[in-house]
């Protein structure tokens, strides 16, 4: 599998992870996750950062956020509480768990074809710290925006930083390649 195939797989896994982290954990049905070309960092004051590391690459996963009323409303609905009862500790604890869910989902799926991956714990950082990402020379980036109704709640980013050309065999890609080599399928 080429680097482009690996990037496509990261894109697919990121979409699955966003769905798992945000759509399935939300108590209301109007949460929408949409892919976007980039994230306007000035829209967010903070972020939750986690990494997945192997011997030859790092995936940096980020949940961009603001500690504001719409975000607290999302958290209160998710944990079946009231907005008034959501203090900063409860808010950031839940956001760290969302980051864990996002990153953990990607790692779980990657572990099927990339052995020995490590995953960090969530770190809450000021958005200014994200300038460091560009110094890591990411070879691939995937961004999404999470909204509810008219309100943009969060954004997510996944950056792939590889030390070399990646060459992993992904079972699903291999199965598709073999199916193409076999010819036509017959249905009975």
Protein backbone atom coordinates (compact mmCIF):
# COMPACT_ATOMS: atom_id res chain seq x y z
CA UNK A 1 0.00 0.00 0.00
CA UNK A 2 1.30 3.42 -0.92
CA UNK A 3 1.37 6.61 1.11
CA UNK A 4 -1.76 7.78 -0.77
CA UNK A 5 -3.58 4.58 0.26
CA UNK A 6 -2.53 5.13 3.87
CA UNK A 7 -3.77 8.74 3.73
CA UNK A 8 -7.14 7.53 2.36
CA UNK A 9 -7.37 5.02 5.20
CA UNK A 10 -6.61 7.73 7.78
CA UNK A 11 -9.36 9.86 6.19
CA UNK A 12 -11.84 6.97 6.40
CA UNK A 13 -10.89 6.15 10.01
CA UNK A 14 -11.13 9.81 11.00
CA UNK A 15 -14.68 9.99 9.64
CA UNK A 16 -15.60 6.85 11.61
CA UNK A 17 -13.97 8.22 14.75
CA UNK A 18 -15.72 11.61 14.44
CA UNK A 19 -19.03 9.82 14.08
CA UNK A 20 -18.30 7.66 17.11
CA UNK A 21 -17.07 10.55 19.26
CA UNK A 22 -19.63 13.21 18.42
CA UNK A 23 -22.70 11.81 16.70
CA UNK A 24 -23.17 8.71 18.80
CA UNK A 25 -22.39 10.39 22.12
CA UNK A 26 -24.75 13.30 21.59
CA UNK A 27 -28.18 13.10 23.13
CA UNK A 28 -29.77 15.31 20.48
CA UNK A 29 -30.07 14.20 16.87
CA UNK A 30 -29.03 17.42 15.17
CA UNK A 31 -25.27 17.04 15.70
CA UNK A 32 -23.55 17.15 12.33
CA UNK A 33 -19.91 16.43 11.50
CA UNK A 34 -18.73 17.82 8.17
CA UNK A 35 -15.33 17.59 6.54
CA UNK A 36 -13.71 20.94 5.80
CA UNK A 37 -10.56 22.03 3.98
CA UNK A 38 -9.08 23.85 6.97
CA UNK A 39 -9.82 25.10 10.46
CA UNK A 40 -9.81 28.78 11.27
CA UNK A 41 -7.72 28.62 14.44
CA UNK A 42 -8.88 32.06 15.55
CA UNK A 43 -12.37 30.56 16.04
CA UNK A 44 -11.14 28.41 18.92
CA UNK A 45 -9.31 29.37 22.09
CA UNK A 46 -8.27 25.91 23.26
CA UNK A 47 -7.70 22.38 22.09
CA UNK A 48 -7.42 18.84 23.37
CA UNK A 49 -4.42 17.10 21.79
CA UNK A 50 -3.59 13.39 21.69
CA UNK A 51 -1.05 11.46 19.65
CA UNK A 52 -0.80 7.99 18.21
CA UNK A 53 2.79 6.95 17.64
CA UNK A 54 4.55 4.15 15.82
CA UNK A 55 8.20 3.74 14.97
CA UNK A 56 7.81 5.59 11.67
CA UNK A 57 4.83 7.95 12.02
CA UNK A 58 2.76 10.04 14.41
CA UNK A 59 -0.89 10.93 14.14
CA UNK A 60 -1.76 14.08 16.04
CA UNK A 61 -5.47 14.30 16.86
CA UNK A 62 -6.96 17.59 17.96
CA UNK A 63 -10.36 18.68 19.24
CA UNK A 64 -10.60 22.47 18.83
CA UNK A 65 -12.98 24.07 21.35
CA UNK A 66 -14.22 27.04 23.29
CA UNK A 67 -15.48 26.92 26.84
CA UNK A 68 -18.70 28.73 25.95
CA UNK A 69 -22.44 28.33 26.49
CA UNK A 70 -23.16 26.28 23.34
CA UNK A 71 -20.31 23.87 24.12
CA UNK A 72 -21.44 23.55 27.74
CA UNK A 73 -24.99 22.90 26.52
CA UNK A 74 -23.68 20.05 24.35
CA UNK A 75 -21.77 18.59 27.30
CA UNK A 76 -24.70 18.95 29.70
CA UNK A 77 -27.02 17.14 27.28
CA UNK A 78 -24.45 14.41 26.70
CA UNK A 79 -24.04 13.70 30.42
CA UNK A 80 -27.73 14.31 31.15
CA UNK A 81 -27.14 17.25 33.45
CA UNK A 82 -27.98 20.94 33.52
CA UNK A 83 -25.81 23.66 32.04
CA UNK A 84 -25.64 25.33 35.46
CA UNK A 85 -24.08 22.21 36.98
CA UNK A 86 -21.29 22.02 34.37
CA UNK A 87 -18.23 23.61 35.95
CA UNK A 88 -14.86 23.87 34.23
CA UNK A 89 -13.64 20.58 35.69
CA UNK A 90 -16.66 18.64 34.37
CA UNK A 91 -16.44 20.40 31.01
CA UNK A 92 -12.76 19.68 30.41
CA UNK A 93 -13.07 16.17 31.77
CA UNK A 94 -15.79 15.41 29.23
CA UNK A 95 -13.85 17.09 26.40
CA UNK A 96 -10.79 14.99 27.30
CA UNK A 97 -12.98 11.89 27.07
CA UNK A 98 -14.22 13.00 23.65
CA UNK A 99 -10.59 13.38 22.57
CA UNK A 100 -9.87 9.89 23.96
CA UNK A 101 -12.83 8.48 22.04
CA UNK A 102 -11.72 10.15 18.80
CA UNK A 103 -8.08 9.14 19.08
CA UNK A 104 -8.83 5.70 20.55
CA UNK A 105 -11.17 4.82 17.71
CA UNK A 106 -8.53 5.66 15.11
CA UNK A 107 -5.89 3.70 17.04
CA UNK A 108 -8.14 0.65 17.45
CA UNK A 109 -8.72 0.47 13.70
CA UNK A 110 -5.07 1.19 12.83
CA UNK A 111 -3.94 -1.60 15.16
CA UNK A 112 -5.47 -4.11 12.74
CA UNK A 113 -2.61 -3.52 10.32
CA UNK A 114 -0.03 -1.44 12.21
CA UNK A 115 1.30 -3.24 15.29
CA UNK A 116 2.71 -1.65 18.43
CA UNK A 117 1.02 1.73 18.44
CA UNK A 118 1.22 3.98 21.46
CA UNK A 119 -1.38 6.57 22.44
CA UNK A 120 -0.93 9.58 24.70
CA UNK A 121 -3.29 10.94 27.30
CA UNK A 122 -5.30 14.07 26.47
CA UNK A 123 -3.58 17.42 26.91
CA UNK A 124 -5.53 20.67 27.08
CA UNK A 125 -3.58 23.44 25.36
CA UNK A 126 -4.04 27.04 24.35
CA UNK A 127 -4.78 27.31 20.62
CA UNK A 128 -1.52 29.26 20.15
CA UNK A 129 0.36 26.00 20.74
CA UNK A 130 -0.92 24.65 17.42
CA UNK A 131 1.69 26.69 15.57
CA UNK A 132 4.04 23.86 16.57
CA UNK A 133 2.18 21.43 14.28
CA UNK A 134 3.56 23.03 11.11
CA UNK A 135 7.11 22.55 12.37
CA UNK A 136 6.43 18.80 12.36
CA UNK A 137 5.93 18.93 8.57
CA UNK A 138 2.69 16.92 8.39
CA UNK A 139 2.34 14.93 5.18
CA UNK A 140 -1.44 14.75 5.50
CA UNK A 141 -4.18 16.66 7.34
CA UNK A 142 -7.89 15.99 7.80
CA UNK A 143 -10.28 18.57 9.30
CA UNK A 144 -13.94 18.49 10.33
CA UNK A 145 -16.42 20.86 11.93
CA UNK A 146 -18.95 19.67 14.51
CA UNK A 147 -22.17 21.67 14.69
CA UNK A 148 -25.57 21.46 16.30
CA UNK A 149 -28.36 23.38 14.63
CA UNK A 150 -26.86 26.71 13.64
CA UNK A 151 -24.08 26.63 16.25
CA UNK A 152 -20.56 25.50 15.39
CA UNK A 153 -19.48 23.62 18.52
CA UNK A 154 -16.07 22.10 17.89
CA UNK A 155 -13.65 21.21 15.16
CA UNK A 156 -11.32 18.26 14.79
CA UNK A 157 -8.02 17.83 13.01
CA UNK A 158 -5.83 14.83 12.38
CA UNK A 159 -2.26 15.35 11.18
CA UNK A 160 -0.02 12.59 9.87
CA UNK A 161 3.69 13.14 10.39
CA UNK A 162 5.77 10.37 8.81
CA UNK A 163 9.51 9.88 9.01
CA UNK A 164 9.50 7.95 5.74
CA UNK A 165 7.18 6.71 2.99
CA UNK A 166 4.61 4.49 4.68
CA UNK A 167 4.03 1.03 3.30
CA UNK A 168 1.50 -0.99 5.28
CA UNK A 169 -0.80 -3.65 3.97
CA UNK A 170 -4.39 -2.79 4.82
CA UNK A 171 -6.60 -5.91 4.66
CA UNK A 172 -9.58 -4.13 3.09
CA UNK A 173 -7.43 -2.56 0.35
CA UNK A 174 -5.79 -5.95 -0.28
CA UNK A 175 -9.23 -7.64 -0.51
CA UNK A 176 -10.39 -5.07 -3.05
CA UNK A 177 -7.23 -5.56 -5.11
CA UNK A 178 -7.73 -9.34 -5.08
CA UNK A 179 -11.38 -8.96 -6.07
CA UNK A 180 -10.32 -6.90 -9.09
CA UNK A 181 -7.85 -9.61 -10.13
CA UNK A 182 -10.49 -12.38 -9.92
CA UNK A 183 -12.83 -11.14 -12.61
CA UNK A 184 -16.59 -11.03 -12.37
CA UNK A 185 -18.64 -12.13 -9.40
CA UNK A 186 -21.51 -14.54 -9.87
CA UNK A 187 -24.61 -14.35 -7.69
CA UNK A 188 -26.74 -17.42 -7.10
